[in-house]
């Protein structure tokens, strides 16, 4: 099945996300209005946070796409992490609000007015969220956007919540136990709390410039090795990913008799290969003579042909 055309910019995706969240909110509040279900009310409350988060994501992505200026010489990419942290905080607050609704529903249970009509409307909202959540998550991963990934994860968590609620609320009239409504709302609160923690944890890791995963580091090392022929080794390799931008720096050891032009050509070759694989990448390479070569497990030795990439381990800071 062909993929739907998506806006070219992350900001455009955020605009669509805001619209989708408003549609889902309308359906879920209609589901609560016709049914009076505490669980469906909890689900609608969570969707309010989706709308707020989508608006925050739109702001963050608008800021992140601004070019570097004299006050922000490395760009504005970290605005995405601020949005994701704020979204995680809102999600946690939502969990406590929903938990309060669950307690009240347990203490004062009442039968749903029209559960089947409410379930149909909630199911429609769940289908909308499923489609859009998958689109956001894939787009965020492809574009290395923390704000889009966080938004996609949040929307998908709402989907699993919706599926559980449809199944659970359908059982209430069959079992004749109205307090099940409150139990389901409590489970929604716990799931929302889990998602909020995960979003905040990943975003704080980005703000703290946590190193990428081992697979990404290995790919970087393989690219340097495969395209660095003429050099001897690379060491003190450090990298961080901020939104859609990768920052990478390392020392490249070359023969002491090599001309500046040849060394520059090697650097250009490595930089072009890194950008072709990783997208937007800011690379700083410090050239050193062979007398500065290191001899420990953190170095990346470069074969003379550049055709046999070796494994890469994260280097320690000097």
Protein backbone atom coordinates (compact mmCIF):
# COMPACT_ATOMS: atom_id res chain seq x y z
CA UNK A 1 0.00 0.00 0.00
CA UNK A 2 1.54 3.39 -0.96
CA UNK A 3 2.45 5.69 1.90
CA UNK A 4 0.52 8.91 2.41
CA UNK A 5 2.41 12.04 1.38
CA UNK A 6 3.63 13.89 4.46
CA UNK A 7 4.56 17.54 4.97
CA UNK A 8 8.21 18.12 4.17
CA UNK A 9 8.94 19.90 7.44
CA UNK A 10 8.60 18.67 11.01
CA UNK A 11 6.56 21.79 11.73
CA UNK A 12 4.07 20.75 9.05
CA UNK A 13 3.71 17.35 10.70
CA UNK A 14 3.11 19.06 14.04
CA UNK A 15 0.26 21.11 12.50
CA UNK A 16 -1.40 17.92 11.23
CA UNK A 17 -0.84 16.28 14.63
CA UNK A 18 -2.65 19.13 16.37
CA UNK A 19 -5.61 18.75 14.00
CA UNK A 20 -5.75 14.96 14.51
CA UNK A 21 -5.63 15.33 18.30
CA UNK A 22 -8.57 17.77 18.16
CA UNK A 23 -10.59 15.28 16.09
CA UNK A 24 -9.81 12.48 18.58
CA UNK A 25 -10.72 14.75 21.50
CA UNK A 26 -14.11 15.54 19.94
CA UNK A 27 -14.89 11.84 19.42
CA UNK A 28 -13.82 10.86 22.93
CA UNK A 29 -15.78 13.57 24.66
CA UNK A 30 -18.80 12.59 22.62
CA UNK A 31 -18.22 9.00 23.79
CA UNK A 32 -18.20 10.15 27.42
CA UNK A 33 -21.22 12.43 26.95
CA UNK A 34 -23.46 9.67 25.59
CA UNK A 35 -22.28 6.98 28.00
CA UNK A 36 -21.42 8.74 31.28
CA UNK A 37 -18.59 6.20 31.72
CA UNK A 38 -15.86 7.19 34.19
CA UNK A 39 -13.31 5.20 32.18
CA UNK A 40 -14.23 6.96 28.93
CA UNK A 41 -14.12 10.29 30.79
CA UNK A 42 -10.57 9.43 31.92
CA UNK A 43 -9.64 8.65 28.33
CA UNK A 44 -11.05 12.00 27.19
CA UNK A 45 -9.04 13.82 29.88
CA UNK A 46 -5.89 12.15 28.61
CA UNK A 47 -6.69 13.33 25.09
CA UNK A 48 -6.82 16.94 26.32
CA UNK A 49 -3.15 16.51 27.19
CA UNK A 50 -2.58 15.17 23.68
CA UNK A 51 -3.95 18.46 22.31
CA UNK A 52 -1.79 20.55 24.67
CA UNK A 53 1.25 18.41 23.85
CA UNK A 54 0.61 18.76 20.10
CA UNK A 55 0.47 22.55 20.49
CA UNK A 56 3.71 22.46 22.49
CA UNK A 57 5.32 20.24 19.87
CA UNK A 58 4.32 22.70 17.15
CA UNK A 59 6.01 25.52 19.07
CA UNK A 60 9.15 23.48 19.73
CA UNK A 61 9.52 22.33 16.14
CA UNK A 62 8.99 25.89 14.90
CA UNK A 63 11.86 27.01 17.15
CA UNK A 64 14.07 24.01 16.32
CA UNK A 65 13.88 24.71 12.58
CA UNK A 66 15.26 28.22 12.99
CA UNK A 67 18.79 28.61 11.59
CA UNK A 68 21.76 29.24 13.86
CA UNK A 69 22.27 32.84 14.91
CA UNK A 70 24.81 34.84 16.95
CA UNK A 71 23.12 33.84 20.21
CA UNK A 72 22.64 30.19 19.28
CA UNK A 73 25.64 29.28 17.15
CA UNK A 74 24.82 25.56 17.26
CA UNK A 75 21.20 26.08 16.24
CA UNK A 76 17.96 25.69 18.20
CA UNK A 77 17.61 21.89 18.03
CA UNK A 78 17.29 21.37 21.78
CA UNK A 79 13.93 23.12 21.79
CA UNK A 80 12.51 19.72 20.82
CA UNK A 81 13.75 18.20 24.06
CA UNK A 82 12.15 21.01 26.06
CA UNK A 83 8.84 20.20 24.40
CA UNK A 84 9.21 16.49 25.13
CA UNK A 85 10.07 17.15 28.80
CA UNK A 86 7.04 19.44 29.10
CA UNK A 87 4.86 16.79 27.48
CA UNK A 88 6.12 14.16 29.90
CA UNK A 89 5.35 16.45 32.83
CA UNK A 90 1.82 17.06 31.55
CA UNK A 91 1.30 13.33 31.12
CA UNK A 92 2.29 12.67 34.73
CA UNK A 93 -0.11 15.37 35.96
CA UNK A 94 -2.84 13.83 33.81
CA UNK A 95 -2.24 10.46 35.45
CA UNK A 96 -3.01 11.90 38.88
CA UNK A 97 -6.14 13.67 37.59
CA UNK A 98 -7.39 10.43 36.07
CA UNK A 99 -6.52 8.57 39.27
CA UNK A 100 -8.74 10.96 41.22
CA UNK A 101 -11.58 10.28 38.78
CA UNK A 102 -11.07 6.54 39.30
CA UNK A 103 -11.28 6.86 43.10
CA UNK A 104 -14.50 8.86 42.87
CA UNK A 105 -15.96 6.33 40.44
CA UNK A 106 -15.10 3.49 42.81
CA UNK A 107 -16.68 5.21 45.80
CA UNK A 108 -19.78 6.31 43.86
CA UNK A 109 -20.33 3.80 41.03
CA UNK A 110 -23.20 4.27 38.58
CA UNK A 111 -24.25 2.36 35.47
CA UNK A 112 -23.34 3.77 32.06
CA UNK A 113 -26.17 5.48 30.16
CA UNK A 114 -25.49 4.11 26.67
CA UNK A 115 -22.23 2.16 26.75
CA UNK A 116 -22.43 0.75 23.23
CA UNK A 117 -22.79 4.17 21.57
CA UNK A 118 -19.88 5.43 23.65
CA UNK A 119 -17.75 2.45 22.67
CA UNK A 120 -18.39 3.04 18.97
CA UNK A 121 -17.28 6.67 19.22
CA UNK A 122 -14.26 5.80 21.36
CA UNK A 123 -13.32 3.03 18.92
CA UNK A 124 -13.40 5.50 16.03
CA UNK A 125 -11.06 7.84 17.94
CA UNK A 126 -8.75 4.90 18.67
CA UNK A 127 -8.52 4.04 14.95
CA UNK A 128 -7.67 7.67 14.13
CA UNK A 129 -4.94 7.68 16.79
CA UNK A 130 -3.50 4.35 15.65
CA UNK A 131 -2.98 5.53 12.08
CA UNK A 132 -1.53 8.88 13.04
CA UNK A 133 0.62 7.54 15.89
CA UNK A 134 2.37 5.10 13.56
CA UNK A 135 2.94 7.84 11.00
CA UNK A 136 4.43 10.19 13.63
CA UNK A 137 6.69 7.53 15.10
CA UNK A 138 8.09 6.48 11.72
CA UNK A 139 8.57 10.08 10.62
CA UNK A 140 10.29 10.95 13.91
CA UNK A 141 12.69 8.03 13.61
CA UNK A 142 13.47 8.82 9.98
CA UNK A 143 14.03 12.52 10.74
CA UNK A 144 15.75 12.01 14.14
CA UNK A 145 13.15 14.22 15.81
CA UNK A 146 12.68 13.70 19.59
CA UNK A 147 9.50 15.81 19.57
CA UNK A 148 7.87 13.71 16.82
CA UNK A 149 8.97 10.44 18.45
CA UNK A 150 7.65 11.54 21.86
CA UNK A 151 4.38 12.63 20.27
CA UNK A 152 4.04 9.35 18.38
CA UNK A 153 4.72 7.29 21.51
CA UNK A 154 2.15 9.29 23.44
CA UNK A 155 -0.51 8.85 20.75
CA UNK A 156 0.18 5.10 20.50
CA UNK A 157 -0.10 4.72 24.27
CA UNK A 158 -3.53 6.30 23.89
CA UNK A 159 -4.37 3.60 21.32
CA UNK A 160 -3.62 0.71 23.65
CA UNK A 161 -5.58 2.49 26.35
CA UNK A 162 -8.53 2.83 23.95
CA UNK A 163 -8.41 -0.86 23.00
CA UNK A 164 -8.39 -1.91 26.66
CA UNK A 165 -11.23 0.46 27.47
CA UNK A 166 -13.44 -0.74 24.63
CA UNK A 167 -12.98 -4.33 25.80
CA UNK A 168 -13.39 -3.48 29.47
CA UNK A 169 -16.41 -1.18 29.22
CA UNK A 170 -18.13 -3.75 27.01
CA UNK A 171 -17.89 -6.22 29.91
CA UNK A 172 -19.58 -3.90 32.45
CA UNK A 173 -23.21 -4.60 31.42
CA UNK A 174 -22.40 -8.27 30.88
CA UNK A 175 -20.84 -8.72 34.32
CA UNK A 176 -23.20 -6.39 36.13
CA UNK A 177 -20.31 -4.86 38.09
CA UNK A 178 -20.35 -1.03 37.63
CA UNK A 179 -17.16 -0.58 39.69
CA UNK A 180 -15.23 -2.16 36.83
CA UNK A 181 -15.56 1.28 35.20
CA UNK A 182 -13.45 2.80 38.00
CA UNK A 183 -10.92 -0.04 37.84
CA UNK A 184 -10.42 0.60 34.13
CA UNK A 185 -9.93 4.32 34.80
CA UNK A 186 -7.27 3.44 37.38
CA UNK A 187 -5.46 1.27 34.84
CA UNK A 188 -5.56 4.16 32.38
CA UNK A 189 -3.90 6.37 35.01
CA UNK A 190 -1.11 3.82 35.58
CA UNK A 191 -0.45 3.48 31.85
CA UNK A 192 -0.36 7.26 31.39
CA UNK A 193 2.09 7.53 34.29
CA UNK A 194 4.38 4.94 32.68
CA UNK A 195 4.39 6.72 29.32
CA UNK A 196 5.06 10.09 30.95
CA UNK A 197 8.08 8.71 32.76
CA UNK A 198 9.50 7.17 29.58
CA UNK A 199 9.08 10.41 27.61
CA UNK A 200 10.75 12.46 30.36
CA UNK A 201 13.60 9.97 30.76
CA UNK A 202 14.48 9.96 27.05
CA UNK A 203 14.21 13.74 26.77
CA UNK A 204 16.39 14.41 29.81
CA UNK A 205 18.99 12.02 28.35
CA UNK A 206 19.01 14.19 25.21
CA UNK A 207 19.38 17.41 27.19
CA UNK A 208 22.32 15.84 29.06
CA UNK A 209 24.04 14.94 25.75
CA UNK A 210 23.95 11.21 26.43
CA UNK A 211 26.03 9.21 23.94
CA UNK A 212 24.15 7.38 21.16
CA UNK A 213 23.51 3.65 21.37
CA UNK A 214 26.20 1.07 20.55
CA UNK A 215 24.80 0.38 17.07
CA UNK A 216 25.02 4.05 16.06
CA UNK A 217 28.55 4.30 17.42
CA UNK A 218 29.51 1.19 15.47
CA UNK A 219 28.11 2.66 12.25
CA UNK A 220 30.11 5.85 12.79
CA UNK A 221 33.30 3.87 13.34
CA UNK A 222 32.73 1.74 10.26
CA UNK A 223 32.19 4.85 8.09
CA UNK A 224 35.40 6.50 9.36
CA UNK A 225 37.35 3.28 8.75
CA UNK A 226 35.95 2.64 5.27
CA UNK A 227 36.58 6.21 4.08
CA UNK A 228 39.74 7.16 5.98
CA UNK A 229 42.31 5.32 3.85
CA UNK A 230 45.53 7.30 3.83
CA UNK A 231 45.18 8.04 7.56
CA UNK A 232 46.53 5.80 10.32
CA UNK A 233 43.97 5.91 13.11
CA UNK A 234 41.16 7.87 14.73
CA UNK A 235 40.82 8.36 18.47
CA UNK A 236 39.01 10.43 21.10
CA UNK A 237 35.79 9.98 19.13
CA UNK A 238 32.89 11.79 20.76
CA UNK A 239 29.39 12.31 19.46
CA UNK A 240 25.98 13.52 20.55
CA UNK A 241 22.67 13.73 18.74
CA UNK A 242 20.52 16.81 19.27
CA UNK A 243 17.21 16.57 17.50
CA UNK A 244 17.90 16.08 13.81
CA UNK A 245 21.54 17.20 14.10
CA UNK A 246 24.50 14.95 14.93
CA UNK A 247 27.61 16.56 16.44
CA UNK A 248 30.78 14.52 15.97
CA UNK A 249 34.43 15.22 16.76
CA UNK A 250 37.59 13.10 16.74
CA UNK A 251 41.36 13.19 16.21
CA UNK A 252 42.68 11.77 12.95
CA UNK A 253 46.30 10.57 12.90
CA UNK A 254 48.09 10.86 9.52
CA UNK A 255 51.73 10.39 8.42
CA UNK A 256 53.85 13.34 9.49
CA UNK A 257 55.05 13.92 5.95
CA UNK A 258 51.53 14.12 4.48
CA UNK A 259 50.63 17.44 2.88
CA UNK A 260 47.87 19.61 4.27
CA UNK A 261 45.90 19.22 1.04
CA UNK A 262 45.94 15.41 1.15
CA UNK A 263 44.94 15.39 4.82
CA UNK A 264 42.15 17.85 4.01
CA UNK A 265 40.90 15.60 1.20
CA UNK A 266 40.72 12.63 3.60
CA UNK A 267 38.69 14.71 6.05
CA UNK A 268 36.33 15.80 3.30
CA UNK A 269 35.83 12.20 2.19
CA UNK A 270 34.99 11.08 5.74
CA UNK A 271 32.66 14.04 6.33
CA UNK A 272 30.72 13.47 3.10
CA UNK A 273 30.27 9.77 3.92
CA UNK A 274 29.06 10.55 7.44
CA UNK A 275 26.52 13.09 6.19
CA UNK A 276 25.30 10.73 3.46
CA UNK A 277 24.54 8.10 6.11
CA UNK A 278 23.43 10.20 9.09
CA UNK A 279 21.86 13.28 7.53
CA UNK A 280 22.61 16.67 9.11
CA UNK A 281 25.99 16.26 10.80
CA UNK A 282 28.48 18.79 12.13
CA UNK A 283 31.95 17.17 12.05
CA UNK A 284 35.11 18.50 13.69
CA UNK A 285 38.30 16.61 12.84
CA UNK A 286 41.63 17.43 14.50
CA UNK A 287 44.62 16.30 12.40
CA UNK A 288 47.64 14.89 14.28
CA UNK A 289 51.00 13.40 13.16
CA UNK A 290 51.83 9.72 13.73
CA UNK A 291 53.81 10.56 16.85
CA UNK A 292 50.46 11.31 18.54
CA UNK A 293 49.03 7.86 17.81
CA UNK A 294 47.52 6.05 20.78
CA UNK A 295 47.80 2.39 21.66
CA UNK A 296 44.76 1.36 23.66
CA UNK A 297 41.43 -0.37 23.08
CA UNK A 298 39.59 2.88 22.31
CA UNK A 299 41.44 3.73 19.10
CA UNK A 300 40.11 3.06 15.63
CA UNK A 301 42.90 1.74 13.38
CA UNK A 302 42.36 2.49 9.70
CA UNK A 303 43.46 -0.10 7.08
CA UNK A 304 45.46 1.35 4.21
CA UNK A 305 42.83 0.31 1.63
CA UNK A 306 39.81 1.56 3.60
CA UNK A 307 37.81 -1.52 2.58
CA UNK A 308 37.76 -3.48 5.84
CA UNK A 309 35.80 -1.60 8.52
CA UNK A 310 36.63 -2.62 12.08
CA UNK A 311 34.52 -2.50 15.22
CA UNK A 312 34.19 0.72 17.12
CA UNK A 313 34.13 1.28 20.85
CA UNK A 314 33.31 4.54 22.61
CA UNK A 315 36.44 6.45 23.48
CA UNK A 316 37.30 7.94 26.81
CA UNK A 317 37.79 11.65 27.07
CA UNK A 318 41.36 12.85 27.18
